[in-house]
C-alpha atoms as a PDB file:
ATOM      1  CA  MET A   1      84.352  60.644  33.882  1.00  0.00           C
ATOM      2  CA  ALA A   2      82.480  57.568  32.637  1.00  0.00           C
ATOM      3  CA  SER A   3      85.571  55.339  32.824  1.00  0.00           C
ATOM      4  CA  GLN A   4      86.685  56.830  36.118  1.00  0.00           C
ATOM      5  CA  GLN A   5      86.072  55.120  39.430  1.00  0.00           C
ATOM      6  CA  ILE A   6      84.422  57.383  42.011  1.00  0.00           C
ATOM      7  CA  VAL A   7      86.046  57.504  45.444  1.00  0.00           C
ATOM      8  CA  PHE A   8      84.135  59.191  48.270  1.00  0.00           C
ATOM      9  CA  ARG A   9      86.088  60.885  51.051  1.00  0.00           C
ATOM     10  CA  VAL A  10      84.721  60.275  54.547  1.00  0.00           C
ATOM     11  CA  HIS A  11      83.707  63.934  54.787  1.00  0.00           C
ATOM     12  CA  ALA A  12      81.649  63.599  51.572  1.00  0.00           C
ATOM     13  CA  VAL A  13      79.895  60.465  52.817  1.00  0.00           C
ATOM     14  CA  ARG A  14      78.984  62.149  56.084  1.00  0.00           C
ATOM     15  CA  ARG A  15      77.591  65.159  54.230  1.00  0.00           C
ATOM     16  CA  MET A  16      75.692  62.945  51.796  1.00  0.00           C
ATOM     17  CA  ILE A  17      74.030  61.052  54.645  1.00  0.00           C
ATOM     18  CA  SER A  18      73.104  64.230  56.525  1.00  0.00           C
ATOM     19  CA  ARG A  19      71.761  65.830  53.333  1.00  0.00           C
ATOM     20  CA  SER A  20      69.956  62.770  51.917  1.00  0.00           C
ATOM     21  CA  VAL A  21      72.122  62.597  48.798  1.00  0.00           C
ATOM     22  CA  THR A  22      72.811  59.206  47.215  1.00  0.00           C
ATOM     23  CA  GLY A  23      75.865  57.952  45.382  1.00  0.00           C
ATOM     24  CA  ALA A  24      73.712  57.777  42.251  1.00  0.00           C
ATOM     25  CA  ASP A  25      72.840  61.467  42.714  1.00  0.00           C
ATOM     26  CA  VAL A  26      76.522  62.375  42.871  1.00  0.00           C
ATOM     27  CA  ARG A  27      77.335  60.269  39.809  1.00  0.00           C
ATOM     28  CA  ARG A  28      74.529  62.014  37.850  1.00  0.00           C
ATOM     29  CA  VAL A  29      75.854  65.434  38.832  1.00  0.00           C
ATOM     30  CA  LEU A  30      79.410  64.510  37.850  1.00  0.00           C
ATOM     31  CA  GLU A  31      78.325  63.015  34.522  1.00  0.00           C
ATOM     32  CA  ALA A  32      75.700  65.572  33.458  1.00  0.00           C
ATOM     33  CA  GLY A  33      76.453  68.688  35.511  1.00  0.00           C
ATOM     34  CA  ASP A  34      78.448  71.778  34.625  1.00  0.00           C
ATOM     35  CA  LYS A  35      81.874  72.598  36.024  1.00  0.00           C
ATOM     36  CA  ILE A  36      81.378  76.119  37.389  1.00  0.00           C
ATOM     37  CA  GLU A  37      84.591  76.765  39.354  1.00  0.00           C
ATOM     38  CA  THR A  38      88.107  75.357  39.332  1.00  0.00           C
ATOM     39  CA  TYR A  39      90.683  75.334  42.119  1.00  0.00           C
ATOM     40  CA  PRO A  40      93.999  74.653  40.328  1.00  0.00           C
ATOM     41  CA  ASP A  41      96.154  75.176  43.426  1.00  0.00           C
ATOM     42  CA  ASP A  42      94.400  72.537  45.581  1.00  0.00           C
ATOM     43  CA  LYS A  43      96.573  69.647  46.759  1.00  0.00           C
ATOM     44  CA  PRO A  44      97.167  66.810  46.191  1.00  0.00           C
ATOM     45  CA  TYR A  45      95.062  67.304  43.018  1.00  0.00           C
ATOM     46  CA  PRO A  46      93.438  70.366  41.477  1.00  0.00           C
ATOM     47  CA  SER A  47      89.735  70.305  42.295  1.00  0.00           C
ATOM     48  CA  TYR A  48      86.564  71.753  40.825  1.00  0.00           C
ATOM     49  CA  LEU A  49      82.941  72.531  41.637  1.00  0.00           C
ATOM     50  CA  VAL A  50      80.162  70.947  39.599  1.00  0.00           C
ATOM     51  CA  LEU A  51      76.544  72.127  39.572  1.00  0.00           C
ATOM     52  CA  GLY A  52      73.896  69.557  38.762  1.00  0.00           C
ATOM     53  CA  TRP A  53      70.196  69.063  39.311  1.00  0.00           C
ATOM     54  CA  ILE A  54      68.389  66.103  40.814  1.00  0.00           C
ATOM     55  CA  GLY A  55      64.860  66.911  39.759  1.00  0.00           C
ATOM     56  CA  ALA A  56      64.297  70.460  41.023  1.00  0.00           C
ATOM     57  CA  ARG A  57      67.041  70.150  43.669  1.00  0.00           C
ATOM     58  CA  PRO A  58      70.372  71.841  42.881  1.00  0.00           C
ATOM     59  CA  LEU A  59      73.519  70.091  44.095  1.00  0.00           C
ATOM     60  CA  HIS A  60      77.128  71.186  44.203  1.00  0.00           C
ATOM     61  CA  VAL A  61      79.818  68.509  44.152  1.00  0.00           C
ATOM     62  CA  VAL A  62      83.452  69.357  44.851  1.00  0.00           C
ATOM     63  CA  ALA A  63      85.721  66.762  43.290  1.00  0.00           C
ATOM     64  CA  ALA A  64      89.253  66.167  42.034  1.00  0.00           C
ATOM     65  CA  ASP A  65      90.627  63.806  39.417  1.00  0.00           C
ATOM     66  CA  ASN A  66      93.551  61.479  40.035  1.00  0.00           C
ATOM     67  CA  ALA A  67      94.374  60.681  36.409  1.00  0.00           C
ATOM     68  CA  ASN A  68      97.080  58.139  37.296  1.00  0.00           C
ATOM     69  CA  ALA A  69      94.623  56.013  39.287  1.00  0.00           C
ATOM     70  CA  LYS A  70      91.718  56.761  36.910  1.00  0.00           C
ATOM     71  CA  GLU A  71      89.564  57.963  39.779  1.00  0.00           C
ATOM     72  CA  THR A  72      87.417  60.933  40.654  1.00  0.00           C
ATOM     73  CA  ILE A  73      87.619  61.845  44.322  1.00  0.00           C
ATOM     74  CA  VAL A  74      84.456  63.367  45.800  1.00  0.00           C
ATOM     75  CA  ILE A  75      85.450  65.861  48.493  1.00  0.00           C
ATOM     76  CA  THR A  76      82.067  67.239  49.531  1.00  0.00           C
ATOM     77  CA  VAL A  77      78.455  67.527  48.387  1.00  0.00           C
ATOM     78  CA  TYR A  78      75.917  70.175  49.322  1.00  0.00           C
ATOM     79  CA  GLU A  79      72.767  71.972  48.266  1.00  0.00           C
ATOM     80  CA  PRO A  80      73.812  75.573  47.530  1.00  0.00           C
ATOM     81  CA  ASP A  81      72.390  78.239  49.823  1.00  0.00           C
ATOM     82  CA  PRO A  82      70.365  80.845  47.873  1.00  0.00           C
ATOM     83  CA  ALA A  83      71.658  83.489  50.295  1.00  0.00           C
ATOM     84  CA  CYS A  84      75.216  82.817  49.088  1.00  0.00           C
ATOM     85  CA  TRP A  85      74.631  82.088  45.397  1.00  0.00           C
ATOM     86  CA  GLU A  86      73.050  84.070  42.582  1.00  0.00           C
ATOM     87  CA  ALA A  87      69.922  82.684  40.910  1.00  0.00           C
ATOM     88  CA  GLY A  88      70.830  79.481  39.081  1.00  0.00           C
ATOM     89  CA  PHE A  89      73.595  78.675  41.636  1.00  0.00           C
ATOM     90  CA  ARG A  90      76.455  79.252  39.159  1.00  0.00           C
ATOM     91  CA  ARG A  91      78.000  82.352  40.734  1.00  0.00           C
ATOM     92  CA  ARG A  92      78.650  83.346  44.316  1.00  0.00           C
ATOM     93  CA  LYS A  93      76.988  86.530  45.500  1.00  0.00           C
ATOM     94  CA  ARG A  94      79.344  89.413  46.074  1.00  0.00           C
ATOM     95  CA  PRO A  95      79.422  90.844  49.622  1.00  0.00           C
END
């Protein structure tokens, strides 16, 4: 990821602004976080969910890699809801 350019989709930027998440926060999550889910059938590129921490704040970043353009595309960013995620925010709660 270090040599990849980060491209933010408009949706991600809107969510980042509304959730007080910076570009530096997203970069830290992508560089140091853990990939916890993959979505191989997503188009135009397979995407994945990364969990990272900014201090005590958990963040999920959904991104996809365009290897040909050497870029990571940030699709959305959010703070996981404890009502929907198990402790540690790595697994979704079962209904």
